[in-house]
Amino acid sequence: MQECGVCNGWAASERPCPKCEGTMKDQGRVTDFLDDYSPYLDQKYTDLVDGDLNSSITEECVHLFVCEDCGLNDIQAT
């Protein structure tokens, strides 16, 4: 997998909210929320269950973003 700019801190970790135009902040990789040990698993395995069928092929990292204003949860590939 190529490096994720959001995970490594060199890409924007905020996005505009599609619902209210507020600020959505990154909460981390979606797979980190599966269980207590998932943040420590190899990404080549967790990419298979992140909700994006192509993330293991396209080498994208799938993150959870939450809006500070309206509370919208959105999963986006980075």
PDB file of N, CA and C in Angstrom:
ATOM      1  N   MET A   1       0.839  -1.181   0.000  1.00  0.00           N
ATOM      2  CA  MET A   1       0.000   0.000   0.000  1.00  0.00           C
ATOM      3  C   MET A   1       0.883   1.244   0.000  1.00  0.00           C
ATOM      4  N   GLN A   2       0.480   2.221  -0.759  1.00  0.00           N
ATOM      5  CA  GLN A   2       1.217   3.483  -0.756  1.00  0.00           C
ATOM      6  C   GLN A   2       0.901   4.255   0.519  1.00  0.00           C
ATOM      7  N   GLU A   3       1.688   5.253   0.801  1.00  0.00           N
ATOM      8  CA  GLU A   3       1.483   6.035   2.020  1.00  0.00           C
ATOM      9  C   GLU A   3       0.207   6.856   1.951  1.00  0.00           C
ATOM     10  N   CYS A   4      -0.486   6.925   3.064  1.00  0.00           N
ATOM     11  CA  CYS A   4      -1.687   7.752   3.164  1.00  0.00           C
ATOM     12  C   CYS A   4      -1.290   9.092   3.764  1.00  0.00           C
ATOM     13  N   GLY A   5      -1.593  10.162   3.048  1.00  0.00           N
ATOM     14  CA  GLY A   5      -1.254  11.495   3.524  1.00  0.00           C
ATOM     15  C   GLY A   5      -2.001  11.898   4.782  1.00  0.00           C
ATOM     16  N   VAL A   6      -3.235  11.431   4.926  1.00  0.00           N
ATOM     17  CA  VAL A   6      -4.020  11.759   6.118  1.00  0.00           C
ATOM     18  C   VAL A   6      -3.439  11.017   7.328  1.00  0.00           C
ATOM     19  N   CYS A   7      -3.129   9.726   7.159  1.00  0.00           N
ATOM     20  CA  CYS A   7      -2.542   8.946   8.260  1.00  0.00           C
ATOM     21  C   CYS A   7      -1.185   9.500   8.693  1.00  0.00           C
ATOM     22  N   ASN A   8      -0.418   9.987   7.729  1.00  0.00           N
ATOM     23  CA  ASN A   8       0.926  10.462   8.020  1.00  0.00           C
ATOM     24  C   ASN A   8       1.014  11.957   8.309  1.00  0.00           C
ATOM     25  N   GLY A   9      -0.109  12.663   8.235  1.00  0.00           N
ATOM     26  CA  GLY A   9      -0.140  14.062   8.640  1.00  0.00           C
ATOM     27  C   GLY A   9       0.301  15.079   7.614  1.00  0.00           C
ATOM     28  N   TRP A  10       0.535  14.693   6.367  1.00  0.00           N
ATOM     29  CA  TRP A  10       0.945  15.686   5.380  1.00  0.00           C
ATOM     30  C   TRP A  10      -0.150  16.020   4.370  1.00  0.00           C
ATOM     31  N   ALA A  11      -1.346  15.489   4.559  1.00  0.00           N
ATOM     32  CA  ALA A  11      -2.499  15.853   3.724  1.00  0.00           C
ATOM     33  C   ALA A  11      -3.598  16.406   4.627  1.00  0.00           C
ATOM     34  N   ALA A  12      -4.507  17.139   4.040  1.00  0.00           N
ATOM     35  CA  ALA A  12      -5.589  17.755   4.812  1.00  0.00           C
ATOM     36  C   ALA A  12      -6.426  16.693   5.514  1.00  0.00           C
ATOM     37  N   SER A  13      -6.660  16.895   6.803  1.00  0.00           N
ATOM     38  CA  SER A  13      -7.471  15.948   7.575  1.00  0.00           C
ATOM     39  C   SER A  13      -8.856  16.512   7.845  1.00  0.00           C
ATOM     40  N   GLU A  14      -9.195  17.583   7.152  1.00  0.00           N
ATOM     41  CA  GLU A  14     -10.522  18.182   7.265  1.00  0.00           C
ATOM     42  C   GLU A  14     -11.144  18.261   5.878  1.00  0.00           C
ATOM     43  N   ARG A  15     -12.449  18.075   5.827  1.00  0.00           N
ATOM     44  CA  ARG A  15     -13.196  18.128   4.578  1.00  0.00           C
ATOM     45  C   ARG A  15     -14.460  18.943   4.801  1.00  0.00           C
ATOM     46  N   PRO A  16     -15.005  19.563   3.738  1.00  0.00           N
ATOM     47  CA  PRO A  16     -16.289  20.248   3.894  1.00  0.00           C
ATOM     48  C   PRO A  16     -17.422  19.228   4.000  1.00  0.00           C
ATOM     49  N   CYS A  17     -18.372  19.506   4.843  1.00  0.00           N
ATOM     50  CA  CYS A  17     -19.517  18.621   5.038  1.00  0.00           C
ATOM     51  C   CYS A  17     -20.470  18.753   3.850  1.00  0.00           C
ATOM     52  N   PRO A  18     -20.880  17.631   3.245  1.00  0.00           N
ATOM     53  CA  PRO A  18     -21.813  17.706   2.114  1.00  0.00           C
ATOM     54  C   PRO A  18     -23.234  18.065   2.540  1.00  0.00           C
ATOM     55  N   LYS A  19     -23.532  17.967   3.831  1.00  0.00           N
ATOM     56  CA  LYS A  19     -24.885  18.242   4.318  1.00  0.00           C
ATOM     57  C   LYS A  19     -25.057  19.697   4.743  1.00  0.00           C
ATOM     58  N   CYS A  20     -24.104  20.228   5.547  1.00  0.00           N
ATOM     59  CA  CYS A  20     -24.293  21.569   6.106  1.00  0.00           C
ATOM     60  C   CYS A  20     -23.153  22.531   5.799  1.00  0.00           C
ATOM     61  N   GLU A  21     -22.149  22.084   5.032  1.00  0.00           N
ATOM     62  CA  GLU A  21     -20.976  22.894   4.694  1.00  0.00           C
ATOM     63  C   GLU A  21     -20.101  23.209   5.910  1.00  0.00           C
ATOM     64  N   GLY A  22     -20.310  22.491   7.009  1.00  0.00           N
ATOM     65  CA  GLY A  22     -19.443  22.632   8.180  1.00  0.00           C
ATOM     66  C   GLY A  22     -18.115  21.933   7.929  1.00  0.00           C
ATOM     67  N   THR A  23     -17.340  21.734   8.975  1.00  0.00           N
ATOM     68  CA  THR A  23     -16.039  21.098   8.859  1.00  0.00           C
ATOM     69  C   THR A  23     -16.103  19.666   9.363  1.00  0.00           C
ATOM     70  N   MET A  24     -15.702  18.747   8.491  1.00  0.00           N
ATOM     71  CA  MET A  24     -15.619  17.339   8.874  1.00  0.00           C
ATOM     72  C   MET A  24     -14.172  17.032   9.233  1.00  0.00           C
ATOM     73  N   LYS A  25     -13.968  16.402  10.379  1.00  0.00           N
ATOM     74  CA  LYS A  25     -12.619  16.062  10.832  1.00  0.00           C
ATOM     75  C   LYS A  25     -12.402  14.561  10.752  1.00  0.00           C
ATOM     76  N   ASP A  26     -11.177  14.200  10.428  1.00  0.00           N
ATOM     77  CA  ASP A  26     -10.794  12.799  10.327  1.00  0.00           C
ATOM     78  C   ASP A  26     -10.767  12.150  11.705  1.00  0.00           C
ATOM     79  N   GLN A  27     -11.367  10.969  11.799  1.00  0.00           N
ATOM     80  CA  GLN A  27     -11.380  10.215  13.048  1.00  0.00           C
ATOM     81  C   GLN A  27     -10.470   8.994  12.975  1.00  0.00           C
ATOM     82  N   GLY A  28      -9.869   8.749  11.813  1.00  0.00           N
ATOM     83  CA  GLY A  28      -8.971   7.611  11.641  1.00  0.00           C
ATOM     84  C   GLY A  28      -9.495   6.638  10.607  1.00  0.00           C
ATOM     85  N   ARG A  29      -8.720   5.589  10.394  1.00  0.00           N
ATOM     86  CA  ARG A  29      -9.102   4.561   9.432  1.00  0.00           C
ATOM     87  C   ARG A  29     -10.349   3.832   9.911  1.00  0.00           C
ATOM     88  N   VAL A  30     -11.236   3.524   9.011  1.00  0.00           N
ATOM     89  CA  VAL A  30     -12.489   2.838   9.343  1.00  0.00           C
ATOM     90  C   VAL A  30     -12.206   1.510  10.043  1.00  0.00           C
ATOM     91  N   THR A  31     -11.226   0.788   9.571  1.00  0.00           N
ATOM     92  CA  THR A  31     -10.935  -0.526  10.141  1.00  0.00           C
ATOM     93  C   THR A  31     -10.394  -0.453  11.562  1.00  0.00           C
ATOM     94  N   ASP A  32      -9.936   0.704  12.004  1.00  0.00           N
ATOM     95  CA  ASP A  32      -9.448   0.842  13.382  1.00  0.00           C
ATOM     96  C   ASP A  32     -10.575   0.734  14.399  1.00  0.00           C
ATOM     97  N   PHE A  33     -11.811   0.841  13.937  1.00  0.00           N
ATOM     98  CA  PHE A  33     -12.959   0.798  14.836  1.00  0.00           C
ATOM     99  C   PHE A  33     -13.598  -0.590  14.926  1.00  0.00           C
ATOM    100  N   LEU A  34     -13.040  -1.588  14.243  1.00  0.00           N
ATOM    101  CA  LEU A  34     -13.637  -2.921  14.234  1.00  0.00           C
ATOM    102  C   LEU A  34     -13.567  -3.609  15.597  1.00  0.00           C
ATOM    103  N   ASP A  35     -12.401  -3.590  16.215  1.00  0.00           N
ATOM    104  CA  ASP A  35     -12.234  -4.172  17.542  1.00  0.00           C
ATOM    105  C   ASP A  35     -10.965  -3.617  18.171  1.00  0.00           C
ATOM    106  N   ASP A  36     -10.614  -4.097  19.348  1.00  0.00           N
ATOM    107  CA  ASP A  36      -9.463  -3.562  20.073  1.00  0.00           C
ATOM    108  C   ASP A  36      -8.130  -3.798  19.366  1.00  0.00           C
ATOM    109  N   TYR A  37      -8.028  -4.846  18.581  1.00  0.00           N
ATOM    110  CA  TYR A  37      -6.757  -5.203  17.953  1.00  0.00           C
ATOM    111  C   TYR A  37      -6.636  -4.764  16.499  1.00  0.00           C
ATOM    112  N   SER A  38      -7.710  -4.336  15.878  1.00  0.00           N
ATOM    113  CA  SER A  38      -7.661  -4.001  14.456  1.00  0.00           C
ATOM    114  C   SER A  38      -6.675  -2.885  14.097  1.00  0.00           C
ATOM    115  N   PRO A  39      -6.407  -1.888  14.961  1.00  0.00           N
ATOM    116  CA  PRO A  39      -5.406  -0.888  14.571  1.00  0.00           C
ATOM    117  C   PRO A  39      -4.001  -1.469  14.416  1.00  0.00           C
ATOM    118  N   TYR A  40      -3.779  -2.648  14.959  1.00  0.00           N
ATOM    119  CA  TYR A  40      -2.448  -3.258  14.931  1.00  0.00           C
ATOM    120  C   TYR A  40      -2.296  -4.310  13.843  1.00  0.00           C
ATOM    121  N   LEU A  41      -3.364  -4.599  13.104  1.00  0.00           N
ATOM    122  CA  LEU A  41      -3.311  -5.596  12.045  1.00  0.00           C
ATOM    123  C   LEU A  41      -2.696  -5.011  10.781  1.00  0.00           C
ATOM    124  N   ASP A  42      -2.137  -5.875   9.959  1.00  0.00           N
ATOM    125  CA  ASP A  42      -1.537  -5.476   8.693  1.00  0.00           C
ATOM    126  C   ASP A  42      -2.614  -4.918   7.767  1.00  0.00           C
ATOM    127  N   GLN A  43      -2.319  -3.807   7.106  1.00  0.00           N
ATOM    128  CA  GLN A  43      -3.305  -3.154   6.241  1.00  0.00           C
ATOM    129  C   GLN A  43      -3.717  -4.004   5.051  1.00  0.00           C
ATOM    130  N   LYS A  44      -2.867  -4.910   4.608  1.00  0.00           N
ATOM    131  CA  LYS A  44      -3.253  -5.735   3.460  1.00  0.00           C
ATOM    132  C   LYS A  44      -4.426  -6.646   3.801  1.00  0.00           C
ATOM    133  N   TYR A  45      -4.638  -6.910   5.084  1.00  0.00           N
ATOM    134  CA  TYR A  45      -5.782  -7.713   5.514  1.00  0.00           C
ATOM    135  C   TYR A  45      -6.984  -6.841   5.867  1.00  0.00           C
ATOM    136  N   THR A  46      -6.766  -5.736   6.537  1.00  0.00           N
ATOM    137  CA  THR A  46      -7.890  -4.891   6.940  1.00  0.00           C
ATOM    138  C   THR A  46      -8.507  -4.175   5.747  1.00  0.00           C
ATOM    139  N   ASP A  47      -7.741  -3.962   4.669  1.00  0.00           N
ATOM    140  CA  ASP A  47      -8.301  -3.338   3.469  1.00  0.00           C
ATOM    141  C   ASP A  47      -9.382  -4.201   2.834  1.00  0.00           C
ATOM    142  N   LEU A  48      -9.401  -5.469   3.147  1.00  0.00           N
ATOM    143  CA  LEU A  48     -10.403  -6.374   2.587  1.00  0.00           C
ATOM    144  C   LEU A  48     -11.766  -6.205   3.251  1.00  0.00           C
ATOM    145  N   VAL A  49     -11.815  -5.547   4.410  1.00  0.00           N
ATOM    146  CA  VAL A  49     -13.076  -5.398   5.145  1.00  0.00           C
ATOM    147  C   VAL A  49     -13.401  -3.951   5.485  1.00  0.00           C
ATOM    148  N   ASP A  50     -12.841  -2.999   4.750  1.00  0.00           N
ATOM    149  CA  ASP A  50     -13.036  -1.586   5.076  1.00  0.00           C
ATOM    150  C   ASP A  50     -14.265  -0.961   4.437  1.00  0.00           C
ATOM    151  N   GLY A  51     -15.044  -1.746   3.684  1.00  0.00           N
ATOM    152  CA  GLY A  51     -16.251  -1.232   3.062  1.00  0.00           C
ATOM    153  C   GLY A  51     -16.060  -0.740   1.645  1.00  0.00           C
ATOM    154  N   ASP A  52     -14.831  -0.642   1.182  1.00  0.00           N
ATOM    155  CA  ASP A  52     -14.534  -0.228  -0.188  1.00  0.00           C
ATOM    156  C   ASP A  52     -13.964  -1.437  -0.919  1.00  0.00           C
ATOM    157  N   LEU A  53     -14.711  -1.960  -1.880  1.00  0.00           N
ATOM    158  CA  LEU A  53     -14.300  -3.174  -2.567  1.00  0.00           C
ATOM    159  C   LEU A  53     -12.980  -3.030  -3.314  1.00  0.00           C
ATOM    160  N   ASN A  54     -12.643  -1.825  -3.728  1.00  0.00           N
ATOM    161  CA  ASN A  54     -11.444  -1.617  -4.534  1.00  0.00           C
ATOM    162  C   ASN A  54     -10.258  -1.040  -3.772  1.00  0.00           C
ATOM    163  N   SER A  55     -10.382  -0.795  -2.486  1.00  0.00           N
ATOM    164  CA  SER A  55      -9.306  -0.112  -1.762  1.00  0.00           C
ATOM    165  C   SER A  55      -8.013  -0.911  -1.744  1.00  0.00           C
ATOM    166  N   SER A  56      -8.092  -2.231  -1.738  1.00  0.00           N
ATOM    167  CA  SER A  56      -6.866  -3.027  -1.748  1.00  0.00           C
ATOM    168  C   SER A  56      -6.216  -3.028  -3.130  1.00  0.00           C
ATOM    169  N   ILE A  57      -7.011  -2.785  -4.171  1.00  0.00           N
ATOM    170  CA  ILE A  57      -6.472  -2.735  -5.536  1.00  0.00           C
ATOM    171  C   ILE A  57      -5.945  -1.331  -5.842  1.00  0.00           C
ATOM    172  N   THR A  58      -6.722  -0.309  -5.497  1.00  0.00           N
ATOM    173  CA  THR A  58      -6.343   1.077  -5.794  1.00  0.00           C
ATOM    174  C   THR A  58      -5.396   1.659  -4.753  1.00  0.00           C
ATOM    175  N   GLU A  59      -5.147   0.899  -3.686  1.00  0.00           N
ATOM    176  CA  GLU A  59      -4.250   1.316  -2.597  1.00  0.00           C
ATOM    177  C   GLU A  59      -4.704   2.613  -1.944  1.00  0.00           C
ATOM    178  N   GLU A  60      -6.003   2.732  -1.731  1.00  0.00           N
ATOM    179  CA  GLU A  60      -6.547   3.887  -1.029  1.00  0.00           C
ATOM    180  C   GLU A  60      -6.785   3.520   0.430  1.00  0.00           C
ATOM    181  N   CYS A  61      -6.716   4.514   1.267  1.00  0.00           N
ATOM    182  CA  CYS A  61      -6.968   4.345   2.685  1.00  0.00           C
ATOM    183  C   CYS A  61      -8.363   4.923   2.969  1.00  0.00           C
ATOM    184  N   VAL A  62      -9.206   4.169   3.650  1.00  0.00           N
ATOM    185  CA  VAL A  62     -10.587   4.580   3.880  1.00  0.00           C
ATOM    186  C   VAL A  62     -10.725   5.103   5.313  1.00  0.00           C
ATOM    187  N   HIS A  63     -11.155   6.365   5.432  1.00  0.00           N
ATOM    188  CA  HIS A  63     -11.233   7.042   6.727  1.00  0.00           C
ATOM    189  C   HIS A  63     -12.663   7.424   7.080  1.00  0.00           C
ATOM    190  N   LEU A  64     -12.901   7.564   8.375  1.00  0.00           N
ATOM    191  CA  LEU A  64     -14.174   8.065   8.890  1.00  0.00           C
ATOM    192  C   LEU A  64     -14.011   9.553   9.169  1.00  0.00           C
ATOM    193  N   PHE A  65     -14.914  10.361   8.599  1.00  0.00           N
ATOM    194  CA  PHE A  65     -14.941  11.798   8.849  1.00  0.00           C
ATOM    195  C   PHE A  65     -16.255  12.135   9.547  1.00  0.00           C
ATOM    196  N   VAL A  66     -16.189  12.999  10.560  1.00  0.00           N
ATOM    197  CA  VAL A  66     -17.368  13.395  11.318  1.00  0.00           C
ATOM    198  C   VAL A  66     -17.474  14.915  11.310  1.00  0.00           C
ATOM    199  N   CYS A  67     -18.673  15.423  10.998  1.00  0.00           N
ATOM    200  CA  CYS A  67     -18.902  16.867  10.965  1.00  0.00           C
ATOM    201  C   CYS A  67     -19.051  17.400  12.382  1.00  0.00           C
ATOM    202  N   GLU A  68     -18.343  18.481  12.679  1.00  0.00           N
ATOM    203  CA  GLU A  68     -18.420  19.110  14.000  1.00  0.00           C
ATOM    204  C   GLU A  68     -19.749  19.815  14.225  1.00  0.00           C
ATOM    205  N   ASP A  69     -20.408  20.244  13.135  1.00  0.00           N
ATOM    206  CA  ASP A  69     -21.628  21.023  13.266  1.00  0.00           C
ATOM    207  C   ASP A  69     -22.897  20.166  13.320  1.00  0.00           C
ATOM    208  N   CYS A  70     -23.068  19.283  12.338  1.00  0.00           N
ATOM    209  CA  CYS A  70     -24.316  18.509  12.264  1.00  0.00           C
ATOM    210  C   CYS A  70     -24.162  17.056  12.702  1.00  0.00           C
ATOM    211  N   GLY A  71     -22.926  16.597  12.904  1.00  0.00           N
ATOM    212  CA  GLY A  71     -22.697  15.241  13.370  1.00  0.00           C
ATOM    213  C   GLY A  71     -22.727  14.168  12.296  1.00  0.00           C
ATOM    214  N   LEU A  72     -22.768  14.555  11.017  1.00  0.00           N
ATOM    215  CA  LEU A  72     -22.797  13.594   9.927  1.00  0.00           C
ATOM    216  C   LEU A  72     -21.534  12.748   9.947  1.00  0.00           C
ATOM    217  N   ASN A  73     -21.684  11.432   9.824  1.00  0.00           N
ATOM    218  CA  ASN A  73     -20.558  10.496   9.675  1.00  0.00           C
ATOM    219  C   ASN A  73     -20.440  10.137   8.203  1.00  0.00           C
ATOM    220  N   ASP A  74     -19.253  10.243   7.657  1.00  0.00           N
ATOM    221  CA  ASP A  74     -19.037   9.944   6.249  1.00  0.00           C
ATOM    222  C   ASP A  74     -17.748   9.165   6.097  1.00  0.00           C
ATOM    223  N   ILE A  75     -17.799   8.110   5.299  1.00  0.00           N
ATOM    224  CA  ILE A  75     -16.613   7.294   5.026  1.00  0.00           C
ATOM    225  C   ILE A  75     -16.096   7.695   3.664  1.00  0.00           C
ATOM    226  N   GLN A  76     -14.805   8.062   3.608  1.00  0.00           N
ATOM    227  CA  GLN A  76     -14.212   8.544   2.361  1.00  0.00           C
ATOM    228  C   GLN A  76     -12.852   7.934   2.156  1.00  0.00           C
ATOM    229  N   ALA A  77     -12.534   7.603   0.912  1.00  0.00           N
ATOM    230  CA  ALA A  77     -11.204   7.128   0.561  1.00  0.00           C
ATOM    231  C   ALA A  77     -10.284   8.330   0.435  1.00  0.00           C
ATOM    232  N   THR A  78      -9.056   8.154   0.902  1.00  0.00           N
ATOM    233  CA  THR A  78      -8.077   9.252   0.828  1.00  0.00           C
ATOM    234  C   THR A  78      -6.909   8.847  -0.026  1.00  0.00           C
TER     235      THR A  78
END
